[in-house]
mmCIF file of all heavy atoms, coordinates in Angstrom:
data_MODEL
# 
_entry.id   MODEL 
# 
loop_
_atom_site.group_PDB 
_atom_site.id 
_atom_site.type_symbol 
_atom_site.label_atom_id 
_atom_site.label_alt_id 
_atom_site.label_comp_id 
_atom_site.label_asym_id 
_atom_site.label_entity_id 
_atom_site.label_seq_id 
_atom_site.pdbx_PDB_ins_code 
_atom_site.Cartn_x 
_atom_site.Cartn_y 
_atom_site.Cartn_z 
_atom_site.occupancy 
_atom_site.B_iso_or_equiv 
_atom_site.pdbx_formal_charge 
_atom_site.auth_seq_id 
_atom_site.auth_comp_id 
_atom_site.auth_asym_id 
_atom_site.auth_atom_id 
_atom_site.pdbx_PDB_model_num 
ATOM 1   N N   . ASN A 1 1  ? 5.049  -5.954  -2.957  1.00 0.00 ? 1  ASN A N   1 
ATOM 2   C CA  . ASN A 1 1  ? 6.298  -5.127  -2.833  1.00 0.00 ? 1  ASN A CA  1 
ATOM 3   C C   . ASN A 1 1  ? 5.984  -3.750  -3.251  1.00 0.00 ? 1  ASN A C   1 
ATOM 4   O O   . ASN A 1 1  ? 4.986  -3.534  -3.799  1.00 0.00 ? 1  ASN A O   1 
ATOM 5   C CB  . ASN A 1 1  ? 7.462  -5.784  -3.722  1.00 0.00 ? 1  ASN A CB  1 
ATOM 6   C CG  . ASN A 1 1  ? 7.068  -5.655  -5.111  1.00 0.00 ? 1  ASN A CG  1 
ATOM 7   O OD1 . ASN A 1 1  ? 7.057  -4.664  -5.893  1.00 0.00 ? 1  ASN A OD1 1 
ATOM 8   N ND2 . ASN A 1 1  ? 6.847  -6.832  -5.756  1.00 0.00 ? 1  ASN A ND2 1 
ATOM 9   N N   . PRO A 1 2  ? 6.797  -2.770  -2.790  1.00 0.00 ? 2  PRO A N   1 
ATOM 10  C CA  . PRO A 1 2  ? 6.545  -1.415  -2.930  1.00 0.00 ? 2  PRO A CA  1 
ATOM 11  C C   . PRO A 1 2  ? 6.413  -1.035  -4.410  1.00 0.00 ? 2  PRO A C   1 
ATOM 12  O O   . PRO A 1 2  ? 5.699  -0.148  -4.749  1.00 0.00 ? 2  PRO A O   1 
ATOM 13  C CB  . PRO A 1 2  ? 7.768  -0.675  -2.256  1.00 0.00 ? 2  PRO A CB  1 
ATOM 14  C CG  . PRO A 1 2  ? 8.159  -1.715  -1.195  1.00 0.00 ? 2  PRO A CG  1 
ATOM 15  C CD  . PRO A 1 2  ? 8.047  -2.965  -1.885  1.00 0.00 ? 2  PRO A CD  1 
ATOM 16  N N   . MET A 1 3  ? 7.181  -1.676  -5.323  1.00 0.00 ? 3  MET A N   1 
ATOM 17  C CA  . MET A 1 3  ? 7.188  -1.137  -6.615  1.00 0.00 ? 3  MET A CA  1 
ATOM 18  C C   . MET A 1 3  ? 5.810  -1.586  -7.296  1.00 0.00 ? 3  MET A C   1 
ATOM 19  O O   . MET A 1 3  ? 5.056  -0.741  -7.940  1.00 0.00 ? 3  MET A O   1 
ATOM 20  C CB  . MET A 1 3  ? 8.220  -2.032  -7.449  1.00 0.00 ? 3  MET A CB  1 
ATOM 21  C CG  . MET A 1 3  ? 8.270  -1.603  -8.914  1.00 0.00 ? 3  MET A CG  1 
ATOM 22  S SD  . MET A 1 3  ? 9.617  -2.471  -9.721  1.00 0.00 ? 3  MET A SD  1 
ATOM 23  C CE  . MET A 1 3  ? 11.021 -1.994  -9.015  1.00 0.00 ? 3  MET A CE  1 
ATOM 24  N N   . THR A 1 4  ? 5.431  -2.824  -6.954  1.00 0.00 ? 4  THR A N   1 
ATOM 25  C CA  . THR A 1 4  ? 4.026  -3.181  -7.462  1.00 0.00 ? 4  THR A CA  1 
ATOM 26  C C   . THR A 1 4  ? 2.803  -2.350  -6.800  1.00 0.00 ? 4  THR A C   1 
ATOM 27  O O   . THR A 1 4  ? 1.934  -1.905  -7.607  1.00 0.00 ? 4  THR A O   1 
ATOM 28  C CB  . THR A 1 4  ? 3.743  -4.683  -7.164  1.00 0.00 ? 4  THR A CB  1 
ATOM 29  O OG1 . THR A 1 4  ? 4.782  -5.438  -7.838  1.00 0.00 ? 4  THR A OG1 1 
ATOM 30  C CG2 . THR A 1 4  ? 2.313  -5.278  -7.687  1.00 0.00 ? 4  THR A CG2 1 
ATOM 31  N N   . ALA A 1 5  ? 2.982  -2.150  -5.567  1.00 0.00 ? 5  ALA A N   1 
ATOM 32  C CA  . ALA A 1 5  ? 1.983  -1.432  -4.819  1.00 0.00 ? 5  ALA A CA  1 
ATOM 33  C C   . ALA A 1 5  ? 2.036  0.017   -5.418  1.00 0.00 ? 5  ALA A C   1 
ATOM 34  O O   . ALA A 1 5  ? 0.839  0.635   -5.500  1.00 0.00 ? 5  ALA A O   1 
ATOM 35  C CB  . ALA A 1 5  ? 2.394  -1.270  -3.296  1.00 0.00 ? 5  ALA A CB  1 
ATOM 36  N N   . ALA A 1 6  ? 3.156  0.611   -5.675  1.00 0.00 ? 6  ALA A N   1 
ATOM 37  C CA  . ALA A 1 6  ? 2.984  2.000   -6.150  1.00 0.00 ? 6  ALA A CA  1 
ATOM 38  C C   . ALA A 1 6  ? 2.326  2.153   -7.488  1.00 0.00 ? 6  ALA A C   1 
ATOM 39  O O   . ALA A 1 6  ? 1.649  2.990   -7.827  1.00 0.00 ? 6  ALA A O   1 
ATOM 40  C CB  . ALA A 1 6  ? 4.460  2.476   -6.349  1.00 0.00 ? 6  ALA A CB  1 
ATOM 41  N N   . ALA A 1 7  ? 2.544  1.078   -8.401  1.00 0.00 ? 7  ALA A N   1 
ATOM 42  C CA  . ALA A 1 7  ? 1.923  1.127   -9.715  1.00 0.00 ? 7  ALA A CA  1 
ATOM 43  C C   . ALA A 1 7  ? 0.513  0.927   -9.645  1.00 0.00 ? 7  ALA A C   1 
ATOM 44  O O   . ALA A 1 7  ? -0.391 1.742   -10.324 1.00 0.00 ? 7  ALA A O   1 
ATOM 45  C CB  . ALA A 1 7  ? 2.546  0.019   -10.565 1.00 0.00 ? 7  ALA A CB  1 
ATOM 46  N N   . ILE A 1 8  ? -0.057 -0.022  -8.773  1.00 0.00 ? 8  ILE A N   1 
ATOM 47  C CA  . ILE A 1 8  ? -1.498 -0.142  -8.647  1.00 0.00 ? 8  ILE A CA  1 
ATOM 48  C C   . ILE A 1 8  ? -2.147 1.055   -7.929  1.00 0.00 ? 8  ILE A C   1 
ATOM 49  O O   . ILE A 1 8  ? -3.181 1.476   -8.302  1.00 0.00 ? 8  ILE A O   1 
ATOM 50  C CB  . ILE A 1 8  ? -1.726 -1.499  -7.938  1.00 0.00 ? 8  ILE A CB  1 
ATOM 51  C CG1 . ILE A 1 8  ? -1.313 -2.713  -8.643  1.00 0.00 ? 8  ILE A CG1 1 
ATOM 52  C CG2 . ILE A 1 8  ? -3.282 -1.619  -7.540  1.00 0.00 ? 8  ILE A CG2 1 
ATOM 53  C CD1 . ILE A 1 8  ? -1.372 -3.980  -7.936  1.00 0.00 ? 8  ILE A CD1 1 
ATOM 54  N N   . ALA A 1 9  ? -1.440 1.617   -6.932  1.00 0.00 ? 9  ALA A N   1 
ATOM 55  C CA  . ALA A 1 9  ? -1.974 2.833   -6.256  1.00 0.00 ? 9  ALA A CA  1 
ATOM 56  C C   . ALA A 1 9  ? -2.123 3.903   -7.267  1.00 0.00 ? 9  ALA A C   1 
ATOM 57  O O   . ALA A 1 9  ? -3.071 4.780   -7.154  1.00 0.00 ? 9  ALA A O   1 
ATOM 58  C CB  . ALA A 1 9  ? -1.024 3.237   -5.194  1.00 0.00 ? 9  ALA A CB  1 
ATOM 59  N N   . ALA A 1 10 ? -1.112 4.144   -8.137  1.00 0.00 ? 10 ALA A N   1 
ATOM 60  C CA  . ALA A 1 10 ? -1.176 5.274   -9.169  1.00 0.00 ? 10 ALA A CA  1 
ATOM 61  C C   . ALA A 1 10 ? -2.405 4.941   -10.158 1.00 0.00 ? 10 ALA A C   1 
ATOM 62  O O   . ALA A 1 10 ? -3.113 5.887   -10.399 1.00 0.00 ? 10 ALA A O   1 
ATOM 63  C CB  . ALA A 1 10 ? 0.089  5.415   -9.926  1.00 0.00 ? 10 ALA A CB  1 
ATOM 64  N N   . GLU A 1 11 ? -2.591 3.708   -10.434 1.00 0.00 ? 11 GLU A N   1 
ATOM 65  C CA  . GLU A 1 11 ? -3.586 3.469   -11.479 1.00 0.00 ? 11 GLU A CA  1 
ATOM 66  C C   . GLU A 1 11 ? -5.071 3.611   -10.783 1.00 0.00 ? 11 GLU A C   1 
ATOM 67  O O   . GLU A 1 11 ? -6.067 4.085   -11.329 1.00 0.00 ? 11 GLU A O   1 
ATOM 68  C CB  . GLU A 1 11 ? -3.538 1.943   -12.011 1.00 0.00 ? 11 GLU A CB  1 
ATOM 69  C CG  . GLU A 1 11 ? -4.665 1.620   -12.987 1.00 0.00 ? 11 GLU A CG  1 
ATOM 70  C CD  . GLU A 1 11 ? -4.452 0.229   -13.638 1.00 0.00 ? 11 GLU A CD  1 
ATOM 71  O OE1 . GLU A 1 11 ? -3.411 -0.488  -13.178 1.00 0.00 ? 11 GLU A OE1 1 
ATOM 72  O OE2 . GLU A 1 11 ? -5.334 -0.313  -14.311 1.00 0.00 ? 11 GLU A OE2 1 
ATOM 73  N N   . ALA A 1 12 ? -5.188 3.228   -9.572  1.00 0.00 ? 12 ALA A N   1 
ATOM 74  C CA  . ALA A 1 12 ? -6.348 3.371   -8.828  1.00 0.00 ? 12 ALA A CA  1 
ATOM 75  C C   . ALA A 1 12 ? -6.774 4.754   -8.429  1.00 0.00 ? 12 ALA A C   1 
ATOM 76  O O   . ALA A 1 12 ? -7.819 5.052   -8.242  1.00 0.00 ? 12 ALA A O   1 
ATOM 77  C CB  . ALA A 1 12 ? -6.349 2.328   -7.570  1.00 0.00 ? 12 ALA A CB  1 
ATOM 78  N N   . GLY A 1 13 ? -5.675 5.503   -8.273  1.00 0.00 ? 13 GLY A N   1 
ATOM 79  C CA  . GLY A 1 13 ? -5.913 6.945   -7.841  1.00 0.00 ? 13 GLY A CA  1 
ATOM 80  C C   . GLY A 1 13 ? -6.054 7.161   -6.360  1.00 0.00 ? 13 GLY A C   1 
ATOM 81  O O   . GLY A 1 13 ? -6.593 8.137   -5.960  1.00 0.00 ? 13 GLY A O   1 
ATOM 82  N N   . VAL A 1 14 ? -5.512 6.283   -5.557  1.00 0.00 ? 14 VAL A N   1 
ATOM 83  C CA  . VAL A 1 14 ? -5.508 6.408   -4.064  1.00 0.00 ? 14 VAL A CA  1 
ATOM 84  C C   . VAL A 1 14 ? -4.548 7.463   -3.717  1.00 0.00 ? 14 VAL A C   1 
ATOM 85  O O   . VAL A 1 14 ? -3.542 7.770   -4.381  1.00 0.00 ? 14 VAL A O   1 
ATOM 86  C CB  . VAL A 1 14 ? -5.205 5.099   -3.321  1.00 0.00 ? 14 VAL A CB  1 
ATOM 87  C CG1 . VAL A 1 14 ? -6.465 4.131   -3.529  1.00 0.00 ? 14 VAL A CG1 1 
ATOM 88  C CG2 . VAL A 1 14 ? -3.958 4.504   -3.619  1.00 0.00 ? 14 VAL A CG2 1 
ATOM 89  N N   . ASP A 1 15 ? -4.751 8.056   -2.464  1.00 0.00 ? 15 ASP A N   1 
ATOM 90  C CA  . ASP A 1 15 ? -3.737 9.142   -2.025  1.00 0.00 ? 15 ASP A CA  1 
ATOM 91  C C   . ASP A 1 15 ? -2.422 8.594   -1.542  1.00 0.00 ? 15 ASP A C   1 
ATOM 92  O O   . ASP A 1 15 ? -1.405 9.224   -1.522  1.00 0.00 ? 15 ASP A O   1 
ATOM 93  C CB  . ASP A 1 15 ? -4.473 9.989   -0.966  1.00 0.00 ? 15 ASP A CB  1 
ATOM 94  C CG  . ASP A 1 15 ? -5.735 10.629  -1.433  1.00 0.00 ? 15 ASP A CG  1 
ATOM 95  O OD1 . ASP A 1 15 ? -5.617 11.240  -2.472  1.00 0.00 ? 15 ASP A OD1 1 
ATOM 96  O OD2 . ASP A 1 15 ? -6.644 10.680  -0.761  1.00 0.00 ? 15 ASP A OD2 1 
ATOM 97  N N   . ASP A 1 16 ? -2.453 7.315   -0.872  1.00 0.00 ? 16 ASP A N   1 
ATOM 98  C CA  . ASP A 1 16 ? -1.191 6.720   -0.394  1.00 0.00 ? 16 ASP A CA  1 
ATOM 99  C C   . ASP A 1 16 ? -1.377 5.264   -0.365  1.00 0.00 ? 16 ASP A C   1 
ATOM 100 O O   . ASP A 1 16 ? -2.492 4.743   -0.693  1.00 0.00 ? 16 ASP A O   1 
ATOM 101 C CB  . ASP A 1 16 ? -1.037 7.356   1.078   1.00 0.00 ? 16 ASP A CB  1 
ATOM 102 C CG  . ASP A 1 16 ? 0.396  7.204   1.574   1.00 0.00 ? 16 ASP A CG  1 
ATOM 103 O OD1 . ASP A 1 16 ? 1.244  6.533   0.900   1.00 0.00 ? 16 ASP A OD1 1 
ATOM 104 O OD2 . ASP A 1 16 ? 0.747  7.700   2.583   1.00 0.00 ? 16 ASP A OD2 1 
ATOM 105 N N   . PHE A 1 17 ? -0.234 4.618   0.056   1.00 0.00 ? 17 PHE A N   1 
ATOM 106 C CA  . PHE A 1 17 ? -0.404 3.129   0.064   1.00 0.00 ? 17 PHE A CA  1 
ATOM 107 C C   . PHE A 1 17 ? 0.608  2.529   1.149   1.00 0.00 ? 17 PHE A C   1 
ATOM 108 O O   . PHE A 1 17 ? 1.694  3.307   1.493   1.00 0.00 ? 17 PHE A O   1 
ATOM 109 C CB  . PHE A 1 17 ? -0.058 2.510   -1.308  1.00 0.00 ? 17 PHE A CB  1 
ATOM 110 C CG  . PHE A 1 17 ? 1.430  2.570   -1.693  1.00 0.00 ? 17 PHE A CG  1 
ATOM 111 C CD1 . PHE A 1 17 ? 2.361  1.723   -1.313  1.00 0.00 ? 17 PHE A CD1 1 
ATOM 112 C CD2 . PHE A 1 17 ? 1.744  3.769   -2.531  1.00 0.00 ? 17 PHE A CD2 1 
ATOM 113 C CE1 . PHE A 1 17 ? 3.729  1.982   -1.910  1.00 0.00 ? 17 PHE A CE1 1 
ATOM 114 C CE2 . PHE A 1 17 ? 3.027  3.919   -2.933  1.00 0.00 ? 17 PHE A CE2 1 
ATOM 115 C CZ  . PHE A 1 17 ? 3.976  3.071   -2.592  1.00 0.00 ? 17 PHE A CZ  1 
ATOM 116 N N   . LEU A 1 18 ? 0.245  1.404   1.619   1.00 0.00 ? 18 LEU A N   1 
ATOM 117 C CA  . LEU A 1 18 ? 1.125  0.721   2.612   1.00 0.00 ? 18 LEU A CA  1 
ATOM 118 C C   . LEU A 1 18 ? 1.374  -0.559  2.000   1.00 0.00 ? 18 LEU A C   1 
ATOM 119 O O   . LEU A 1 18 ? 0.596  -1.425  1.868   1.00 0.00 ? 18 LEU A O   1 
ATOM 120 C CB  . LEU A 1 18 ? 0.434  0.535   3.993   1.00 0.00 ? 18 LEU A CB  1 
ATOM 121 C CG  . LEU A 1 18 ? 1.259  -0.181  5.086   1.00 0.00 ? 18 LEU A CG  1 
ATOM 122 C CD1 . LEU A 1 18 ? 2.538  0.523   5.374   1.00 0.00 ? 18 LEU A CD1 1 
ATOM 123 C CD2 . LEU A 1 18 ? 0.325  -0.464  6.213   1.00 0.00 ? 18 LEU A CD2 1 
ATOM 124 N N   . ALA A 1 19 ? 2.754  -0.834  1.620   1.00 0.00 ? 19 ALA A N   1 
ATOM 125 C CA  . ALA A 1 19 ? 3.214  -2.070  0.969   1.00 0.00 ? 19 ALA A CA  1 
ATOM 126 C C   . ALA A 1 19 ? 3.681  -3.104  2.004   1.00 0.00 ? 19 ALA A C   1 
ATOM 127 O O   . ALA A 1 19 ? 4.020  -2.783  3.061   1.00 0.00 ? 19 ALA A O   1 
ATOM 128 C CB  . ALA A 1 19 ? 4.252  -1.796  -0.040  1.00 0.00 ? 19 ALA A CB  1 
ATOM 129 N N   . GLN A 1 20 ? 3.738  -4.364  1.529   1.00 0.00 ? 20 GLN A N   1 
ATOM 130 C CA  . GLN A 1 20 ? 4.183  -5.420  2.410   1.00 0.00 ? 20 GLN A CA  1 
ATOM 131 C C   . GLN A 1 20 ? 3.530  -5.472  3.734   1.00 0.00 ? 20 GLN A C   1 
ATOM 132 O O   . GLN A 1 20 ? 4.303  -5.657  4.738   1.00 0.00 ? 20 GLN A O   1 
ATOM 133 C CB  . GLN A 1 20 ? 5.687  -5.536  2.447   1.00 0.00 ? 20 GLN A CB  1 
ATOM 134 C CG  . GLN A 1 20 ? 6.352  -5.656  1.079   1.00 0.00 ? 20 GLN A CG  1 
ATOM 135 C CD  . GLN A 1 20 ? 7.874  -5.568  1.017   1.00 0.00 ? 20 GLN A CD  1 
ATOM 136 O OE1 . GLN A 1 20 ? 8.387  -4.797  1.782   1.00 0.00 ? 20 GLN A OE1 1 
ATOM 137 N NE2 . GLN A 1 20 ? 8.499  -6.268  0.108   1.00 0.00 ? 20 GLN A NE2 1 
ATOM 138 N N   . ALA A 1 21 ? 2.262  -5.147  3.835   1.00 0.00 ? 21 ALA A N   1 
ATOM 139 C CA  . ALA A 1 21 ? 1.642  -4.982  5.077   1.00 0.00 ? 21 ALA A CA  1 
ATOM 140 C C   . ALA A 1 21 ? 1.112  -6.306  5.737   1.00 0.00 ? 21 ALA A C   1 
ATOM 141 O O   . ALA A 1 21 ? 0.705  -7.157  5.108   1.00 0.00 ? 21 ALA A O   1 
ATOM 142 C CB  . ALA A 1 21 ? 0.296  -4.116  4.809   1.00 0.00 ? 21 ALA A CB  1 
ATOM 143 N N   . THR A 1 22 ? 1.410  -6.270  6.971   1.00 0.00 ? 22 THR A N   1 
ATOM 144 C CA  . THR A 1 22 ? 0.957  -7.498  7.795   1.00 0.00 ? 22 THR A CA  1 
ATOM 145 C C   . THR A 1 22 ? -0.280 -7.005  8.602   1.00 0.00 ? 22 THR A C   1 
ATOM 146 O O   . THR A 1 22 ? -0.603 -5.788  8.673   1.00 0.00 ? 22 THR A O   1 
ATOM 147 C CB  . THR A 1 22 ? 2.041  -7.794  8.756   1.00 0.00 ? 22 THR A CB  1 
ATOM 148 O OG1 . THR A 1 22 ? 2.315  -6.848  9.692   1.00 0.00 ? 22 THR A OG1 1 
ATOM 149 C CG2 . THR A 1 22 ? 3.374  -8.181  8.056   1.00 0.00 ? 22 THR A CG2 1 
ATOM 150 N N   . PRO A 1 23 ? -1.093 -7.967  9.135   1.00 0.00 ? 23 PRO A N   1 
ATOM 151 C CA  . PRO A 1 23 ? -2.183 -7.525  10.023  1.00 0.00 ? 23 PRO A CA  1 
ATOM 152 C C   . PRO A 1 23 ? -1.863 -6.601  11.091  1.00 0.00 ? 23 PRO A C   1 
ATOM 153 O O   . PRO A 1 23 ? -2.653 -5.668  11.495  1.00 0.00 ? 23 PRO A O   1 
ATOM 154 C CB  . PRO A 1 23 ? -2.737 -8.914  10.534  1.00 0.00 ? 23 PRO A CB  1 
ATOM 155 C CG  . PRO A 1 23 ? -2.424 -9.738  9.509   1.00 0.00 ? 23 PRO A CG  1 
ATOM 156 C CD  . PRO A 1 23 ? -1.002 -9.397  8.927   1.00 0.00 ? 23 PRO A CD  1 
ATOM 157 N N   . GLU A 1 24 ? -0.647 -6.700  11.626  1.00 0.00 ? 24 GLU A N   1 
ATOM 158 C CA  . GLU A 1 24 ? -0.275 -5.950  12.734  1.00 0.00 ? 24 GLU A CA  1 
ATOM 159 C C   . GLU A 1 24 ? -0.018 -4.528  12.218  1.00 0.00 ? 24 GLU A C   1 
ATOM 160 O O   . GLU A 1 24 ? -0.257 -3.551  12.940  1.00 0.00 ? 24 GLU A O   1 
ATOM 161 C CB  . GLU A 1 24 ? 1.199  -6.501  13.342  1.00 0.00 ? 24 GLU A CB  1 
ATOM 162 C CG  . GLU A 1 24 ? 0.966  -7.757  14.224  1.00 0.00 ? 24 GLU A CG  1 
ATOM 163 C CD  . GLU A 1 24 ? 0.831  -9.009  13.244  1.00 0.00 ? 24 GLU A CD  1 
ATOM 164 O OE1 . GLU A 1 24 ? 1.214  -8.775  12.089  1.00 0.00 ? 24 GLU A OE1 1 
ATOM 165 O OE2 . GLU A 1 24 ? 0.401  -10.021 13.762  1.00 0.00 ? 24 GLU A OE2 1 
ATOM 166 N N   . MET A 1 25 ? 0.720  -4.374  10.982  1.00 0.00 ? 25 MET A N   1 
ATOM 167 C CA  . MET A 1 25 ? 0.915  -3.075  10.373  1.00 0.00 ? 25 MET A CA  1 
ATOM 168 C C   . MET A 1 25 ? -0.402 -2.350  10.189  1.00 0.00 ? 25 MET A C   1 
ATOM 169 O O   . MET A 1 25 ? -0.487 -1.070  10.363  1.00 0.00 ? 25 MET A O   1 
ATOM 170 C CB  . MET A 1 25 ? 1.715  -3.145  9.167   1.00 0.00 ? 25 MET A CB  1 
ATOM 171 C CG  . MET A 1 25 ? 3.127  -3.622  9.395   1.00 0.00 ? 25 MET A CG  1 
ATOM 172 S SD  . MET A 1 25 ? 3.972  -4.147  7.839   1.00 0.00 ? 25 MET A SD  1 
ATOM 173 C CE  . MET A 1 25 ? 4.158  -2.556  7.122   1.00 0.00 ? 25 MET A CE  1 
ATOM 174 N N   . LYS A 1 26 ? -1.462 -3.005  9.678   1.00 0.00 ? 26 LYS A N   1 
ATOM 175 C CA  . LYS A 1 26 ? -2.732 -2.334  9.358   1.00 0.00 ? 26 LYS A CA  1 
ATOM 176 C C   . LYS A 1 26 ? -3.271 -1.919  10.604  1.00 0.00 ? 26 LYS A C   1 
ATOM 177 O O   . LYS A 1 26 ? -3.810 -0.735  10.677  1.00 0.00 ? 26 LYS A O   1 
ATOM 178 C CB  . LYS A 1 26 ? -3.683 -3.415  8.759   1.00 0.00 ? 26 LYS A CB  1 
ATOM 179 C CG  . LYS A 1 26 ? -3.259 -3.951  7.428   1.00 0.00 ? 26 LYS A CG  1 
ATOM 180 C CD  . LYS A 1 26 ? -4.201 -5.073  7.003   1.00 0.00 ? 26 LYS A CD  1 
ATOM 181 C CE  . LYS A 1 26 ? -3.700 -5.810  5.683   1.00 0.00 ? 26 LYS A CE  1 
ATOM 182 N NZ  . LYS A 1 26 ? -4.698 -6.798  5.141   1.00 0.00 ? 26 LYS A NZ  1 
ATOM 183 N N   . LEU A 1 27 ? -3.217 -2.736  11.653  1.00 0.00 ? 27 LEU A N   1 
ATOM 184 C CA  . LEU A 1 27 ? -3.757 -2.279  12.938  1.00 0.00 ? 27 LEU A CA  1 
ATOM 185 C C   . LEU A 1 27 ? -3.036 -1.077  13.448  1.00 0.00 ? 27 LEU A C   1 
ATOM 186 O O   . LEU A 1 27 ? -3.581 -0.140  14.023  1.00 0.00 ? 27 LEU A O   1 
ATOM 187 C CB  . LEU A 1 27 ? -3.701 -3.397  13.943  1.00 0.00 ? 27 LEU A CB  1 
ATOM 188 C CG  . LEU A 1 27 ? -4.682 -3.576  15.129  1.00 0.00 ? 27 LEU A CG  1 
ATOM 189 C CD1 . LEU A 1 27 ? -6.104 -3.512  14.773  1.00 0.00 ? 27 LEU A CD1 1 
ATOM 190 C CD2 . LEU A 1 27 ? -4.361 -4.794  16.055  1.00 0.00 ? 27 LEU A CD2 1 
ATOM 191 N N   . SER A 1 28 ? -1.760 -1.025  13.412  1.00 0.00 ? 28 SER A N   1 
ATOM 192 C CA  . SER A 1 28 ? -0.939 0.032   13.863  1.00 0.00 ? 28 SER A CA  1 
ATOM 193 C C   . SER A 1 28 ? -1.279 1.351   13.025  1.00 0.00 ? 28 SER A C   1 
ATOM 194 O O   . SER A 1 28 ? -1.372 2.413   13.664  1.00 0.00 ? 28 SER A O   1 
ATOM 195 C CB  . SER A 1 28 ? 0.558  -0.359  13.757  1.00 0.00 ? 28 SER A CB  1 
ATOM 196 O OG  . SER A 1 28 ? 1.330  0.835   14.084  1.00 0.00 ? 28 SER A OG  1 
ATOM 197 N N   . LEU A 1 29 ? -1.457 1.193   11.771  1.00 0.00 ? 29 LEU A N   1 
ATOM 198 C CA  . LEU A 1 29 ? -1.762 2.397   11.012  1.00 0.00 ? 29 LEU A CA  1 
ATOM 199 C C   . LEU A 1 29 ? -3.183 3.087   11.485  1.00 0.00 ? 29 LEU A C   1 
ATOM 200 O O   . LEU A 1 29 ? -3.216 4.201   11.549  1.00 0.00 ? 29 LEU A O   1 
ATOM 201 C CB  . LEU A 1 29 ? -1.865 2.003   9.511   1.00 0.00 ? 29 LEU A CB  1 
ATOM 202 C CG  . LEU A 1 29 ? -2.187 3.140   8.584   1.00 0.00 ? 29 LEU A CG  1 
ATOM 203 C CD1 . LEU A 1 29 ? -1.217 4.392   8.637   1.00 0.00 ? 29 LEU A CD1 1 
ATOM 204 C CD2 . LEU A 1 29 ? -2.214 2.749   7.074   1.00 0.00 ? 29 LEU A CD2 1 
# 
């Protein structure tokens, strides 16, 4: 979920994140 994703993204230091991603969403991005 976006809340969990945001916390892990902040700890890992990535520039952005895509939460609740499906294979189709990854492909689209």
